[in-house]
Protein backbone atom coordinates (compact mmCIF):
# COMPACT_ATOMS: atom_id res chain seq x y z
CA MET A 1 163.19 113.97 135.72
CA ASN A 2 163.13 112.00 132.67
CA PHE A 3 160.30 109.93 133.71
CA LYS A 4 158.16 113.11 134.32
CA LYS A 5 159.08 114.47 130.98
CA LEU A 6 157.90 111.44 129.33
CA LEU A 7 154.58 111.43 131.05
CA LEU A 8 154.00 115.23 130.28
CA SER A 9 154.83 114.28 126.69
CA PHE A 10 152.47 111.48 126.89
CA LEU A 11 149.52 113.44 128.21
CA ILE A 12 150.15 116.24 125.53
CA ILE A 13 149.84 113.75 122.86
CA ILE A 14 146.52 112.36 124.26
CA PHE A 15 145.12 115.89 124.68
CA GLY A 16 146.10 116.55 121.14
CA VAL A 17 144.54 113.54 119.61
CA PHE A 18 141.12 114.37 121.54
CA ALA A 19 141.39 118.06 120.17
CA ILE A 20 141.80 116.74 116.60
CA SER A 21 138.98 114.14 117.00
CA ASN A 22 136.78 116.86 118.36
CA THR A 23 137.57 119.04 115.46
CA ILE A 24 136.70 116.62 112.98
CA TYR A 25 133.29 115.57 114.71
CA ALA A 26 132.42 119.15 114.51
CA ALA A 27 132.74 119.48 110.67
CA ASP A 28 130.47 116.37 110.26
CA LEU A 29 126.99 118.64 110.16
CA VAL A 30 124.35 116.84 108.62
CA ALA A 31 121.13 118.39 107.35
CA ASN A 32 118.39 117.86 104.40
CA ILE A 33 116.96 120.98 102.65
CA ASP A 34 113.77 119.76 100.72
CA VAL A 35 111.65 121.97 98.18
CA THR A 36 107.80 121.13 97.10
CA ALA A 37 105.52 123.23 94.89
CA ASP A 38 101.94 123.86 95.87
CA LYS A 39 100.89 122.87 92.04
CA THR A 40 102.51 121.54 89.01
CA GLU A 41 99.60 122.15 86.55
CA VAL A 42 98.93 125.49 86.06
CA SER A 43 96.98 128.25 83.80
CA THR A 44 98.52 131.27 82.28
CA GLY A 45 98.76 134.11 85.00
CA ASP A 46 98.93 131.51 87.95
CA GLU A 47 101.25 131.96 90.79
CA VAL A 48 103.40 128.89 91.98
CA THR A 49 104.50 128.72 95.60
CA PHE A 50 107.57 126.71 96.44
CA THR A 51 108.26 125.77 100.02
CA LEU A 52 111.66 125.23 101.51
CA THR A 53 111.96 122.98 104.74
CA ILE A 54 114.93 121.47 106.41
CA LYS A 55 115.09 118.21 108.43
CA ASP A 56 117.29 115.28 109.39
CA ILE A 57 119.62 117.61 111.41
CA ALA A 58 122.43 115.90 113.22
CA ASN A 59 125.73 116.88 114.74
CA ALA A 60 124.78 120.58 114.93
CA GLU A 61 126.17 123.02 117.38
CA ASP A 62 123.68 123.29 119.91
CA ASN A 63 121.46 121.16 117.98
CA GLN A 64 120.45 124.07 115.95
CA ILE A 65 120.73 125.32 112.39
CA THR A 66 120.83 129.19 112.10
CA ALA A 67 121.03 129.76 108.39
CA VAL A 68 119.91 128.21 105.00
CA GLY A 69 120.90 129.41 101.47
CA GLY A 70 120.91 128.60 97.81
CA THR A 71 120.29 129.54 94.32
CA ILE A 72 117.08 129.43 92.17
CA THR A 73 117.00 129.25 88.33
CA TYR A 74 113.91 129.08 86.18
CA ASP A 75 112.58 129.30 82.75
CA THR A 76 112.38 132.96 81.87
CA ASN A 77 110.18 132.15 78.79
CA PHE A 78 107.66 130.48 81.18
CA PHE A 79 107.98 132.57 84.41
CA GLU A 80 108.18 136.45 84.86
CA THR A 81 110.98 137.79 86.40
CA ILE A 82 111.53 137.28 90.01
CA THR A 83 111.49 140.19 92.53
CA GLU A 84 112.56 141.10 96.08
CA SER A 85 108.95 140.31 97.27
CA SER A 86 108.78 136.84 95.96
CA ILE A 87 110.61 135.40 98.96
CA GLU A 88 108.86 135.11 102.38
CA PRO A 89 109.30 135.88 105.27
CA SER A 90 111.01 139.00 103.96
CA ALA A 91 112.12 140.21 107.31
CA SER A 92 114.58 137.16 107.68
CA ALA A 93 115.27 136.46 104.24
CA ASP A 94 117.10 138.07 101.08
CA ILE A 95 117.25 137.17 97.28
CA LYS A 96 119.56 138.66 94.62
CA THR A 97 117.17 139.19 91.51
CA ASP A 98 119.93 139.05 88.93
CA THR A 99 121.64 135.74 90.06
CA GLY A 100 118.85 134.08 91.99
CA ALA A 101 120.89 133.56 95.11
CA PHE A 102 118.96 133.56 98.30
CA ALA A 103 119.59 133.07 102.09
CA TYR A 104 117.59 132.79 105.16
CA ILE A 105 118.07 133.24 108.69
CA CYS A 106 116.31 130.70 110.89
CA LYS A 107 116.17 128.33 113.84
CA ALA A 108 115.79 124.75 112.95
CA ASN A 109 116.22 122.31 115.84
CA SER A 110 117.73 118.63 115.57
CA GLY A 111 114.81 115.85 115.40
CA THR A 112 112.33 118.20 113.73
CA THR A 113 111.08 119.29 110.12
CA THR A 114 111.10 122.95 110.00
CA THR A 115 109.69 125.08 107.25
CA ILE A 116 112.30 127.87 106.27
CA GLY A 117 110.26 130.00 104.08
CA THR A 118 108.78 130.22 100.52
CA ILE A 119 109.60 131.75 97.06
CA LYS A 120 106.95 132.61 94.59
CA LEU A 121 107.11 132.56 90.63
CA LYS A 122 104.28 133.93 88.32
CA VAL A 123 103.57 131.98 85.11
CA LYS A 124 103.63 134.31 82.16
CA SER A 125 100.45 135.02 80.28
CA SER A 126 102.21 133.89 77.10
CA ALA A 127 103.64 130.61 78.60
CA THR A 128 103.01 127.30 76.91
CA GLY A 129 104.21 123.79 77.35
CA SER A 130 106.34 123.57 80.71
CA GLY A 131 109.01 125.15 82.60
CA ASN A 132 111.62 123.87 85.11
CA VAL A 133 112.94 125.51 88.46
CA THR A 134 115.78 124.26 89.74
CA PHE A 135 117.23 125.02 93.49
CA SER A 136 121.07 124.55 93.58
CA ASN A 137 124.03 125.14 95.81
CA LEU A 138 121.46 124.22 98.83
CA GLU A 139 123.56 124.69 102.15
CA SER A 140 122.70 124.73 105.75
CA SER A 141 124.72 126.16 108.74
CA ASP A 142 125.11 125.88 112.45
CA GLY A 143 127.57 129.06 112.64
CA ASN A 144 130.56 126.91 112.71
CA SER A 145 130.20 124.33 109.85
CA SER A 146 127.73 123.77 107.00
CA ALA A 147 126.26 120.83 105.25
CA SER A 148 124.98 120.53 101.62
CA SER A 149 121.91 118.98 100.34
CA GLN A 150 121.18 117.73 96.74
CA ASN A 151 119.80 120.04 93.99
CA LYS A 152 115.95 120.01 93.42
CA THR A 153 114.23 120.37 90.12
CA ILE A 154 110.53 120.71 89.75
CA SER A 155 108.50 120.87 86.41
CA VAL A 156 105.57 123.06 85.95
CA SER A 157 103.16 122.80 83.05
CA ILE A 158 100.42 124.33 81.46
CA LYS A 159 96.94 122.58 81.82
CA ALA A 160 95.50 121.01 78.46
CA ALA A 161 92.89 123.04 76.99
CA SER A 162 90.91 119.86 76.30
CA ASN A 163 89.54 119.50 79.55
CA ASN A 164 87.54 122.79 79.43
CA THR A 165 86.19 121.82 75.94
CA SER A 166 85.26 118.33 77.07
CA THR A 167 83.39 119.96 80.22
CA ASN A 168 81.59 122.46 77.96
CA ASP A 169 80.53 119.69 75.55
CA SER A 170 79.38 117.41 78.34
CA SER A 171 77.41 120.12 80.05
CA SER A 172 75.61 121.07 76.79
CA SER A 173 74.82 117.37 76.05
CA SER A 174 73.30 116.89 79.44
CA THR A 175 71.18 120.12 78.98
CA ASP A 176 70.04 118.52 75.77
CA ASN A 177 69.47 115.10 77.04
CA SER A 178 67.38 116.65 80.17
CA ASP A 179 65.30 118.78 77.53
CA SER A 180 64.63 115.75 75.32
CA SER A 181 63.87 113.54 78.18
CA SER A 182 61.33 116.00 79.65
CA THR A 183 59.60 116.36 76.16
CA SER A 184 59.29 112.41 75.76
CA ASP A 185 58.09 112.04 79.17
CA SER A 186 55.21 114.55 78.55
CA SER A 187 54.40 113.10 75.35
CA SER A 188 54.49 109.40 76.46
CA SER A 189 52.28 110.43 79.47
CA SER A 190 49.63 112.02 77.35
CA THR A 191 49.70 108.98 75.04
CA GLY A 192 49.53 106.56 77.83
CA ASP A 193 46.58 108.11 79.44
CA SER A 194 44.48 108.06 76.09
CA SER A 195 45.28 104.51 75.23
CA SER A 196 45.13 103.01 78.73
CA SER A 197 41.50 103.51 78.99
CA SER A 198 40.58 101.54 75.71
CA THR A 199 43.28 99.10 76.59
CA SER A 200 42.04 98.27 79.90
CA ASP A 201 38.24 97.95 78.43
CA SER A 202 39.34 95.49 75.82
CA SER A 203 41.63 93.58 78.35
CA SER A 204 38.89 93.40 81.04
CA SER A 205 36.35 91.83 78.28
CA SER A 206 38.79 89.52 77.01
CA THR A 207 39.87 88.51 80.37
CA SER A 208 36.10 87.83 81.50
CA ASP A 209 35.44 85.85 78.45
CA SER A 210 38.66 83.69 78.77
CA SER A 211 37.86 83.25 82.67
CA SER A 212 34.36 82.05 81.93
CA SER A 213 35.62 79.65 79.23
CA LYS A 214 38.14 78.42 81.52
CA ASN A 215 35.50 77.78 84.09
CA SER A 216 33.21 75.97 81.82
CA SER A 217 36.24 73.75 80.46
CA SER A 218 37.23 73.14 84.33
CA SER A 219 33.76 71.95 85.06
CA SER A 220 33.61 69.70 82.25
CA LYS A 221 37.03 68.29 83.14
CA LYS A 222 35.77 67.58 86.63
CA GLU A 223 32.66 65.71 85.44
CA SER A 224 34.80 63.80 83.14
CA THR A 225 37.23 63.08 85.85
CA SER A 226 34.50 62.06 88.27
CA ASP A 227 32.94 59.50 85.55
CA GLU A 228 36.32 57.95 84.98
CA SER A 229 36.96 57.60 88.70
CA SER A 230 33.63 55.85 89.17
CA THR A 231 34.25 53.59 86.18
CA LYS A 232 37.59 52.80 87.66
CA LYS A 233 36.22 51.78 91.11
CA THR A 234 33.38 49.58 89.43
CA SER A 235 36.06 47.64 87.37
CA SER A 236 38.49 47.07 90.32
CA LYS A 237 35.75 45.87 92.51
CA SER A 238 34.50 43.27 89.98
CA GLU A 239 38.28 42.29 89.16
CA SER A 240 38.81 41.69 93.04
CA THR A 241 36.44 38.88 93.18
CA LYS A 242 38.23 36.96 90.40
CA LEU A 243 41.36 34.65 90.48
CA PRO A 244 44.20 35.54 88.44
CA TYR A 245 44.09 33.91 84.74
CA THR A 246 40.82 32.17 85.06
CA GLY A 247 38.45 34.86 86.28
CA THR A 248 36.47 31.81 88.31
CA SER A 249 34.97 32.89 91.53
CA THR A 250 36.76 31.88 94.68
CA ALA A 251 33.66 30.43 96.33
CA PHE A 252 33.58 27.59 93.60
CA TYR A 253 37.40 26.55 94.31
CA GLY A 254 36.59 26.62 98.25
CA ILE A 255 33.53 24.10 97.78
CA LEU A 256 35.72 22.01 95.49
CA PHE A 257 38.49 21.79 98.13
CA VAL A 258 36.33 20.73 100.79
CA VAL A 259 34.74 18.03 98.69
CA ILE A 260 38.00 16.58 97.72
CA THR A 261 39.22 16.94 101.32
CA ILE A 262 36.18 14.81 102.71
CA SER A 263 36.60 12.24 99.78
CA VAL A 264 40.26 11.63 100.64
CA VAL A 265 39.54 11.25 104.44
CA SER A 266 36.65 8.88 103.75
CA PHE A 267 38.80 6.77 101.41
CA ILE A 268 41.69 6.39 104.01
CA LYS A 269 39.13 5.43 106.65
CA PHE A 270 37.58 3.08 104.50
CA TYR A 271 40.85 1.31 103.45
CA LYS A 272 41.78 1.08 107.01
CA HIS A 273 38.72 -0.69 108.05
CA LYS A 274 38.96 -3.15 105.10
CA ASP A 275 42.48 -4.13 106.39
CA ILE A 276 40.93 -4.96 109.77
């Protein structure tokens, strides 16, 4: 009996531990709410749309987020007062215009990025500089537990007026440039036509004169070149028949060489015959 009581007590402790761990696990809901604006540079009277999305969902019951809420605060000197029609979709959302608290009923599944809804603010006609919009107390719920997200602050500013001024100045300057260029083109074309004929006549005459002079000079150069070449040929022929340094004809040395050779041979024969 004591053994059975001990076993039952042990099983109760085990089930208790599992129950406690399951409860702790269910409380660890994770989700991230993000807010973006369709524009951050505006003109007076513009409407800015802020879009809320939810992502990174984990540990949600049935893997689904069913509600999202928070609070919006804004610069009342820059934006007009928010209204109930400022929040969309109106059928599944609500906003308190005095406190800025809002809530959405939604279905956002784990592993997806889901758009929850939008909130619109209108820029005042007297707005200057910039204005901040802050989304705080952002929470998401799966029906049993909730998860908090970090606050989001977005700054919206008025566009610089110098952009419009510079645009007008550039357009006017381009118009002036186009008018002046067309005027200069017409004047230059008329002037060019009147001067082109006289210039072409004078240039053609001067060209013909210069070409004739070039032809005469080239012919004279050719003649002088031919004379020089013939002179060089004659001198080269006369030099080719002379030996270096003396200028004596090669025929004379040939005859002298033959005579000396004959004399030496005759002397040798005579000397040999005398000895005999």
